């Protein structure tokens, strides 16, 4: 099972997506 966080990290390599990734990790 692939984690959504890891997938998002690979799919989004932009600086603006960094804070979005952190938000997803917080939801976990």
N, C-alpha and C. Protein backbone atom coordinates (compact mmCIF):
# COMPACT_ATOMS: atom_id res chain seq x y z
N UNK A 1 0.84 -1.21 0.00
CA UNK A 1 0.00 0.00 0.00
C UNK A 1 0.88 1.26 0.00
N UNK A 2 0.72 2.08 -1.01
CA UNK A 2 1.53 3.30 -1.11
C UNK A 2 0.90 4.43 -0.30
N UNK A 3 1.71 5.07 0.49
CA UNK A 3 1.18 6.16 1.32
C UNK A 3 0.87 7.40 0.46
N UNK A 4 -0.24 8.07 0.74
CA UNK A 4 -0.64 9.27 -0.02
C UNK A 4 0.39 10.39 0.13
N UNK A 5 1.03 10.42 1.27
CA UNK A 5 2.02 11.47 1.51
C UNK A 5 3.22 11.29 0.59
N UNK A 6 3.68 10.06 0.49
CA UNK A 6 4.84 9.77 -0.36
C UNK A 6 4.50 10.05 -1.82
N UNK A 7 3.30 9.65 -2.22
CA UNK A 7 2.87 9.86 -3.60
C UNK A 7 2.82 11.35 -3.90
N UNK A 8 2.25 12.11 -2.98
CA UNK A 8 2.13 13.55 -3.16
C UNK A 8 3.52 14.17 -3.26
N UNK A 9 4.43 13.63 -2.48
CA UNK A 9 5.79 14.17 -2.44
C UNK A 9 6.46 13.98 -3.80
N UNK A 10 6.25 12.82 -4.40
CA UNK A 10 6.86 12.54 -5.70
C UNK A 10 6.13 13.29 -6.81
N UNK A 11 4.82 13.41 -6.66
CA UNK A 11 4.02 14.06 -7.70
C UNK A 11 4.22 15.58 -7.65
N UNK A 12 4.36 16.11 -6.45
CA UNK A 12 4.51 17.56 -6.30
C UNK A 12 5.91 17.90 -5.82
N UNK A 13 6.70 18.50 -6.67
CA UNK A 13 8.07 18.89 -6.29
C UNK A 13 8.19 20.41 -6.34
N UNK A 14 7.11 21.10 -6.01
CA UNK A 14 7.12 22.56 -6.03
C UNK A 14 7.22 23.12 -4.62
N UNK A 15 7.79 24.32 -4.46
CA UNK A 15 7.93 24.95 -3.14
C UNK A 15 6.58 25.26 -2.51
N UNK A 16 5.58 25.54 -3.34
CA UNK A 16 4.26 25.86 -2.83
C UNK A 16 3.55 24.62 -2.32
N UNK A 17 4.00 23.45 -2.80
CA UNK A 17 3.36 22.20 -2.38
C UNK A 17 3.96 21.70 -1.07
N UNK A 18 5.02 22.35 -0.62
CA UNK A 18 5.68 21.91 0.61
C UNK A 18 4.75 22.06 1.80
N UNK A 19 4.13 23.21 1.95
CA UNK A 19 3.23 23.43 3.09
C UNK A 19 2.00 22.56 2.96
N UNK A 20 1.59 22.27 1.73
CA UNK A 20 0.43 21.42 1.52
C UNK A 20 0.74 20.00 2.00
N UNK A 21 1.95 19.54 1.74
CA UNK A 21 2.38 18.21 2.16
C UNK A 21 2.37 18.13 3.69
N UNK A 22 2.82 19.19 4.33
CA UNK A 22 2.87 19.21 5.78
C UNK A 22 1.46 19.12 6.35
N UNK A 23 0.52 19.77 5.68
CA UNK A 23 -0.87 19.74 6.14
C UNK A 23 -1.42 18.32 6.06
N UNK A 24 -1.08 17.61 5.00
CA UNK A 24 -1.55 16.24 4.84
C UNK A 24 -0.98 15.36 5.94
N UNK A 25 0.29 15.60 6.28
CA UNK A 25 0.94 14.81 7.33
C UNK A 25 0.26 15.09 8.67
N UNK A 26 -0.20 16.32 8.84
CA UNK A 26 -0.86 16.70 10.09
C UNK A 26 -2.21 15.99 10.21
N UNK A 27 -2.87 15.79 9.08
CA UNK A 27 -4.17 15.13 9.09
C UNK A 27 -4.04 13.67 9.51
N UNK A 28 -2.89 13.10 9.19
CA UNK A 28 -2.67 11.69 9.54
C UNK A 28 -2.78 11.53 11.03
